[in-house]
Amino acid sequence: MQSYAKPRVVVSRCLEFAEVRYNGAVIPDKAVERMKAHVEFIPVCPEVEIGLGVPRDVIRLVDDEEKRLVQPKTGEDLTGKMTGFSKTFLDHLDDVDGFLLKNRSPTCGMHDVKVYQSAENSQVIGKTSGLFAGEVLKRHSGLAVEEEGRLKNFTLRHHFLTKLFTLASFREMKKERKMKALQQFHARHKYLFMAYHPGLLKKMGQTTANHDHHGIGEVLETYENLLHELMQEPAKTSAHINVCQHIAGYFKKQLTSGEKQSFADLLHQYKEEKIPLSAVLSVLSSWTARFQSGYLKQQSYFQPYPVDLVEISDSGKGRAYS
């Protein structure tokens, strides 16, 4: 059975962990619940950490002359406290692989947080990121950073989990401080990285070759920056088709013409969003086992994160694994 490095993830405490929402509630979250067995979570509630109680009066972001975090009922300006906490928390945070934060929160929301005209005027004048989330994005945009609400979308959830477990594996590998370990990591993730960005895959391969004989620290730093860049966005359907064709090429001498045509038809169905990528990968996995391809067996592309994090309903998604 394939083993996985255990990711370290900062998570909003209100998601499954504690009753710290402004209304005293805890939010059930299926994705967090499933991940608990495989992830080391670091729960945090920035609002409680700066001294706000539970339950508490509503806080909001306003932009009268500058963006501020205020509590309209009390008139308190919490901007300095929240900014200070965010910087201190992240300054003292050990290596982590990702963040999973509460959406639309004035502290933890990443994209869709309402900005009001003033503490007294409830007119919405724009959208932004929360103060804590903004600091996270400023410092750690290369990590697996996502809002819980967006994980209901299969494509975004698959990308988040793929990136999270890949970064965790890289973090564990870095501890060895050996070129051989990096080269093995790169080889194991070749087809996964090809699906994300063939051009960057080539640069990463050149980095692992290290023809200029750089020190291991410099090589790892260069490779990590490329890895973050490579996994910024989910892989596209066309890229997955290209990778699957590459993998199928390993078996071109063993397959019958009928099998080749059936596989081509399968790829076309995936392109037309009639079947998920998992259906295509199942065929490639069966051929890998049938023809005993040791190199392909080790490829993370077939299962980049633990199988029990895949929901059975995902098998019906037209863009599964894309």
Protein backbone atom coordinates (compact mmCIF):
# COMPACT_ATOMS: atom_id res chain seq x y z
CA MET A 1 0.00 0.00 0.00
CA GLN A 2 1.30 3.45 -0.90
CA SER A 3 2.45 5.62 2.01
CA TYR A 4 2.08 9.38 2.20
CA ALA A 5 3.86 12.11 4.13
CA LYS A 6 1.54 13.72 6.67
CA PRO A 7 0.79 17.33 5.71
CA ARG A 8 0.75 20.10 8.32
CA VAL A 9 -2.20 22.44 7.77
CA VAL A 10 -3.33 25.59 9.57
CA VAL A 11 -7.13 25.45 9.75
CA SER A 12 -9.81 27.83 11.00
CA ARG A 13 -10.77 26.49 14.42
CA CYS A 14 -14.48 26.93 13.74
CA LEU A 15 -14.28 24.19 11.08
CA GLU A 16 -14.99 20.98 13.01
CA PHE A 17 -12.73 21.85 15.96
CA ALA A 18 -14.44 24.26 18.39
CA GLU A 19 -17.50 26.43 18.94
CA VAL A 20 -15.75 29.72 18.23
CA ARG A 21 -17.89 31.30 15.52
CA TYR A 22 -19.27 34.76 16.31
CA ASN A 23 -22.60 33.07 17.10
CA GLY A 24 -21.04 30.37 19.26
CA ALA A 25 -21.33 27.64 16.61
CA VAL A 26 -18.96 25.06 15.19
CA ILE A 27 -19.21 24.41 11.44
CA PRO A 28 -19.47 20.79 10.27
CA ASP A 29 -17.19 20.26 7.29
CA LYS A 30 -16.98 16.95 5.44
CA ALA A 31 -13.59 17.67 3.85
CA VAL A 32 -11.96 18.52 7.19
CA GLU A 33 -13.55 15.49 8.84
CA ARG A 34 -12.16 13.17 6.17
CA MET A 35 -8.71 14.75 6.32
CA LYS A 36 -8.28 14.41 10.09
CA ALA A 37 -6.89 10.86 9.81
CA HIS A 38 -4.23 11.93 7.30
CA VAL A 39 -3.36 15.53 8.20
CA GLU A 40 -1.79 17.25 11.21
CA PHE A 41 -4.12 20.20 11.71
CA ILE A 42 -3.10 23.39 13.53
CA PRO A 43 -6.42 25.05 14.47
CA VAL A 44 -6.55 28.81 15.01
CA CYS A 45 -9.27 31.44 15.44
CA PRO A 46 -7.67 34.87 14.97
CA GLU A 47 -10.70 36.66 16.44
CA VAL A 48 -10.58 34.68 19.69
CA GLU A 49 -6.79 35.05 19.79
CA ILE A 50 -7.06 38.86 19.95
CA GLY A 51 -9.45 38.64 22.87
CA LEU A 52 -12.92 38.66 21.32
CA GLY A 53 -15.40 36.49 23.17
CA VAL A 54 -17.77 33.71 22.09
CA PRO A 55 -20.40 34.62 21.13
CA ARG A 56 -19.35 38.13 20.06
CA ASP A 57 -20.66 41.16 18.28
CA VAL A 58 -20.16 41.22 14.52
CA ILE A 59 -16.92 42.62 13.12
CA ARG A 60 -16.47 43.87 9.58
CA LEU A 61 -13.98 45.33 7.17
CA VAL A 62 -14.55 48.98 6.25
CA ASP A 63 -12.79 51.33 3.90
CA ASP A 64 -13.59 54.95 4.74
CA GLU A 65 -10.05 56.17 4.10
CA GLU A 66 -8.10 52.94 4.58
CA LYS A 67 -9.05 49.29 5.09
CA ARG A 68 -9.82 48.68 8.75
CA LEU A 69 -11.32 45.91 10.87
CA VAL A 70 -13.96 47.34 13.20
CA GLN A 71 -16.72 46.22 15.55
CA PRO A 72 -19.65 48.52 14.73
CA LYS A 73 -21.58 48.00 17.99
CA THR A 74 -18.65 48.93 20.24
CA GLY A 75 -16.90 51.23 17.78
CA GLU A 76 -13.60 49.46 18.48
CA ASP A 77 -10.94 49.46 15.77
CA LEU A 78 -9.33 45.99 15.79
CA THR A 79 -6.97 46.54 12.84
CA GLY A 80 -3.79 46.87 14.87
CA LYS A 81 -4.53 43.88 17.09
CA MET A 82 -5.38 41.62 14.15
CA THR A 83 -2.43 42.73 12.04
CA GLY A 84 -0.09 42.23 14.98
CA PHE A 85 -1.46 38.78 15.77
CA SER A 86 -1.29 37.66 12.14
CA LYS A 87 2.35 38.66 11.78
CA THR A 88 3.37 37.16 15.13
CA PHE A 89 1.53 33.90 14.49
CA LEU A 90 3.10 33.44 11.06
CA ASP A 91 6.53 34.52 12.31
CA HIS A 92 6.51 31.65 14.82
CA LEU A 93 4.86 29.04 12.63
CA ASP A 94 6.94 25.95 11.94
CA ASP A 95 7.04 24.47 8.45
CA VAL A 96 3.53 23.90 7.14
CA ASP A 97 2.22 22.71 3.80
CA GLY A 98 -1.06 24.54 3.60
CA PHE A 99 -3.92 26.60 5.03
CA LEU A 100 -7.63 25.82 5.02
CA LEU A 101 -9.57 28.89 6.09
CA LYS A 102 -13.20 29.94 6.62
CA ASN A 103 -14.60 31.71 3.59
CA ARG A 104 -16.18 35.18 3.75
CA SER A 105 -14.74 35.79 7.22
CA PRO A 106 -13.37 39.33 7.76
CA THR A 107 -10.26 37.69 9.19
CA CYS A 108 -9.92 34.34 7.39
CA GLY A 109 -11.71 34.80 4.06
CA MET A 110 -9.37 34.75 1.09
CA HIS A 111 -11.27 36.31 -1.80
CA ASP A 112 -14.88 37.19 -1.21
CA VAL A 113 -14.96 39.23 2.01
CA LYS A 114 -17.35 42.16 1.97
CA VAL A 115 -15.94 45.65 2.47
CA TYR A 116 -18.37 48.21 3.88
CA GLN A 117 -18.37 51.94 3.40
CA SER A 118 -17.95 52.62 7.11
CA ALA A 119 -18.75 51.21 10.55
CA GLU A 120 -22.05 53.08 10.49
CA ASN A 121 -22.93 52.60 6.80
CA SER A 122 -23.76 49.01 5.77
CA GLN A 123 -23.38 49.65 2.05
CA VAL A 124 -21.01 47.11 0.46
CA ILE A 125 -18.42 48.84 -1.71
CA GLY A 126 -16.18 45.93 -2.67
CA LYS A 127 -14.65 42.53 -1.92
CA THR A 128 -11.22 41.67 -0.53
CA SER A 129 -9.34 39.18 1.65
CA GLY A 130 -9.57 39.09 5.45
CA LEU A 131 -6.71 40.55 7.45
CA PHE A 132 -5.29 37.21 8.62
CA ALA A 133 -5.80 35.56 5.22
CA GLY A 134 -4.20 38.53 3.48
CA GLU A 135 -1.03 38.07 5.50
CA VAL A 136 -1.08 34.33 4.74
CA LEU A 137 -1.36 35.01 1.00
CA LYS A 138 1.41 37.60 1.18
CA ARG A 139 3.83 35.16 2.80
CA HIS A 140 2.70 31.71 1.71
CA SER A 141 0.94 31.95 -1.65
CA GLY A 142 3.06 29.06 -2.94
CA LEU A 143 1.59 26.63 -0.41
CA ALA A 144 -1.75 24.81 -0.65
CA VAL A 145 -4.02 27.67 0.48
CA GLU A 146 -7.77 27.35 0.13
CA GLU A 147 -11.15 28.33 1.58
CA GLU A 148 -13.42 25.59 2.91
CA GLY A 149 -16.38 26.67 0.78
CA ARG A 150 -14.44 26.20 -2.48
CA LEU A 151 -13.56 22.60 -1.59
CA LYS A 152 -17.12 21.60 -2.45
CA ASN A 153 -15.94 21.90 -6.07
CA PHE A 154 -14.23 18.64 -7.04
CA THR A 155 -11.61 20.18 -9.31
CA LEU A 156 -10.49 22.66 -6.63
CA ARG A 157 -10.53 20.00 -3.91
CA HIS A 158 -8.51 17.56 -6.00
CA HIS A 159 -5.97 20.28 -6.79
CA PHE A 160 -5.74 21.33 -3.14
CA LEU A 161 -5.20 17.76 -1.91
CA THR A 162 -2.74 16.95 -4.71
CA LYS A 163 -0.70 20.05 -3.95
CA LEU A 164 -0.92 19.52 -0.19
CA PHE A 165 0.38 15.95 -0.20
CA THR A 166 3.01 16.73 -2.84
CA LEU A 167 4.39 19.63 -0.77
CA ALA A 168 4.36 17.46 2.35
CA SER A 169 6.37 14.81 0.51
CA PHE A 170 8.83 17.46 -0.66
CA ARG A 171 9.17 18.85 2.89
CA GLU A 172 10.03 15.38 4.22
CA MET A 173 12.46 14.75 1.38
CA LYS A 174 14.27 18.06 2.04
CA LYS A 175 15.31 16.83 5.48
CA GLU A 176 17.66 14.33 3.84
CA ARG A 177 19.64 17.13 2.15
CA LYS A 178 20.77 14.77 -0.60
CA MET A 179 20.73 15.16 -4.38
CA LYS A 180 19.79 11.51 -4.80
CA ALA A 181 16.66 12.01 -2.67
CA LEU A 182 15.65 15.02 -4.79
CA GLN A 183 16.23 13.09 -8.01
CA GLN A 184 14.07 10.22 -6.74
CA PHE A 185 11.33 12.67 -5.73
CA HIS A 186 11.40 14.25 -9.18
CA ALA A 187 11.28 10.88 -10.93
CA ARG A 188 8.31 9.73 -8.83
CA HIS A 189 6.32 12.87 -9.68
CA LYS A 190 7.32 13.17 -13.34
CA TYR A 191 3.91 12.58 -14.88
CA LEU A 192 2.04 14.53 -12.24
CA PHE A 193 4.27 17.53 -12.92
CA MET A 194 3.94 17.04 -16.67
CA ALA A 195 0.18 17.40 -16.27
CA TYR A 196 0.66 20.74 -14.54
CA HIS A 197 3.32 22.35 -16.73
CA PRO A 198 5.71 20.50 -19.11
CA GLY A 199 7.95 23.57 -19.46
CA LEU A 200 8.51 23.90 -15.73
CA LEU A 201 8.96 20.12 -15.46
CA LYS A 202 11.92 20.50 -17.82
CA LYS A 203 13.42 23.29 -15.69
CA MET A 204 12.99 21.18 -12.56
CA GLY A 205 14.73 18.30 -14.29
CA GLN A 206 17.65 20.58 -15.19
CA THR A 207 17.80 21.70 -11.57
CA THR A 208 18.05 18.11 -10.32
CA ALA A 209 20.79 17.40 -12.88
CA ASN A 210 22.79 20.23 -11.26
CA HIS A 211 25.35 20.53 -14.04
CA ASP A 212 26.76 23.69 -12.47
CA HIS A 213 27.43 21.87 -9.18
CA HIS A 214 25.50 24.19 -6.88
CA GLY A 215 25.25 23.38 -3.18
CA ILE A 216 22.31 21.24 -2.05
CA GLY A 217 20.71 24.17 -0.21
CA GLU A 218 20.63 26.33 -3.34
CA VAL A 219 19.37 23.47 -5.49
CA LEU A 220 16.52 22.69 -3.09
CA GLU A 221 15.51 26.34 -2.89
CA THR A 222 15.46 26.70 -6.68
CA TYR A 223 13.50 23.48 -7.09
CA GLU A 224 10.98 24.46 -4.39
CA ASN A 225 10.30 27.81 -6.05
CA LEU A 226 9.67 26.04 -9.35
CA LEU A 227 7.41 23.52 -7.60
CA HIS A 228 5.29 26.31 -6.10
CA GLU A 229 5.04 28.00 -9.49
CA LEU A 230 4.16 24.75 -11.22
CA MET A 231 1.23 23.96 -8.91
CA GLN A 232 -0.38 27.41 -8.74
CA GLU A 233 -3.39 26.38 -10.85
CA PRO A 234 -5.20 23.07 -11.45
CA ALA A 235 -3.98 21.00 -14.40
CA LYS A 236 -6.01 21.31 -17.60
CA THR A 237 -7.91 18.54 -19.38
CA SER A 238 -5.68 18.80 -22.48
CA ALA A 239 -2.58 18.35 -20.31
CA HIS A 240 -4.02 15.22 -18.69
CA ILE A 241 -4.76 13.78 -22.13
CA ASN A 242 -1.16 14.42 -23.17
CA VAL A 243 0.16 12.67 -20.04
CA CYS A 244 -2.13 9.68 -20.51
CA GLN A 245 -0.96 9.32 -24.10
CA HIS A 246 2.64 9.38 -22.90
CA ILE A 247 1.95 6.65 -20.34
CA ALA A 248 0.04 4.54 -22.85
CA GLY A 249 3.09 4.76 -25.11
CA TYR A 250 4.93 2.44 -22.70
CA PHE A 251 2.62 -0.37 -23.80
CA LYS A 252 2.41 0.24 -27.56
CA LYS A 253 4.22 -3.01 -28.40
CA GLN A 254 2.13 -5.16 -26.05
CA LEU A 255 -1.36 -3.83 -26.81
CA THR A 256 -3.61 -5.03 -29.62
CA SER A 257 -4.95 -2.60 -32.18
CA GLY A 258 -8.38 -3.04 -30.62
CA GLU A 259 -7.09 -2.06 -27.16
CA LYS A 260 -5.37 0.98 -28.60
CA GLN A 261 -8.56 2.10 -30.34
CA SER A 262 -10.64 1.54 -27.19
CA PHE A 263 -8.20 3.68 -25.23
CA ALA A 264 -8.32 6.43 -27.85
CA ASP A 265 -12.13 6.35 -27.60
CA LEU A 266 -11.85 6.58 -23.83
CA LEU A 267 -9.67 9.68 -24.05
CA HIS A 268 -12.16 11.26 -26.42
CA GLN A 269 -14.98 10.60 -23.96
CA TYR A 270 -12.91 12.26 -21.22
CA LYS A 271 -12.24 15.25 -23.47
CA GLU A 272 -15.99 15.54 -24.09
CA GLU A 273 -16.60 15.40 -20.30
CA LYS A 274 -18.60 12.19 -20.57
CA ILE A 275 -16.37 10.25 -18.17
CA PRO A 276 -13.96 11.27 -15.36
CA LEU A 277 -10.21 10.98 -15.67
CA SER A 278 -10.32 8.27 -13.01
CA ALA A 279 -11.85 5.96 -15.64
CA VAL A 280 -8.86 6.55 -17.92
CA LEU A 281 -6.37 6.10 -15.10
CA SER A 282 -7.98 2.80 -14.10
CA VAL A 283 -7.15 1.40 -17.53
CA LEU A 284 -3.58 2.69 -17.40
CA SER A 285 -3.16 1.28 -13.88
CA SER A 286 -4.38 -2.13 -15.01
CA TRP A 287 -1.89 -2.12 -17.89
CA THR A 288 0.88 -1.06 -15.51
CA ALA A 289 0.12 -4.08 -13.33
CA ARG A 290 -0.39 -6.41 -16.28
CA PHE A 291 2.92 -5.57 -17.94
CA GLN A 292 4.81 -5.08 -14.65
CA SER A 293 6.16 -1.60 -15.33
CA GLY A 294 8.14 -0.81 -12.20
CA TYR A 295 8.77 2.80 -13.23
CA LEU A 296 5.09 3.55 -13.75
CA LYS A 297 4.04 1.77 -10.57
CA GLN A 298 5.89 4.39 -8.52
CA GLN A 299 4.25 7.37 -10.25
CA SER A 300 2.28 9.61 -7.89
CA TYR A 301 0.09 10.66 -10.82
CA PHE A 302 -2.13 7.61 -10.39
CA GLN A 303 -2.96 8.40 -6.74
CA PRO A 304 -1.46 11.69 -5.48
CA TYR A 305 -3.24 11.49 -2.10
CA PRO A 306 -4.86 8.77 0.05
CA VAL A 307 -7.69 7.00 -1.73
CA ASP A 308 -10.13 7.38 1.16
CA LEU A 309 -10.07 11.16 0.63
CA VAL A 310 -11.82 10.54 -2.69
CA GLU A 311 -15.58 10.69 -2.25
CA ILE A 312 -17.62 8.11 -4.15
CA SER A 313 -19.69 10.93 -5.64
CA ASP A 314 -16.52 12.24 -7.29
CA SER A 315 -16.57 9.37 -9.78
CA GLY A 316 -19.43 11.05 -11.58
CA LYS A 317 -17.70 14.39 -12.08
CA GLY A 318 -16.99 15.09 -15.72
CA ARG A 319 -13.78 16.94 -14.95
CA ALA A 320 -12.52 14.60 -12.25
CA TYR A 321 -8.75 14.89 -11.81
CA SER A 322 -8.67 17.95 -14.05
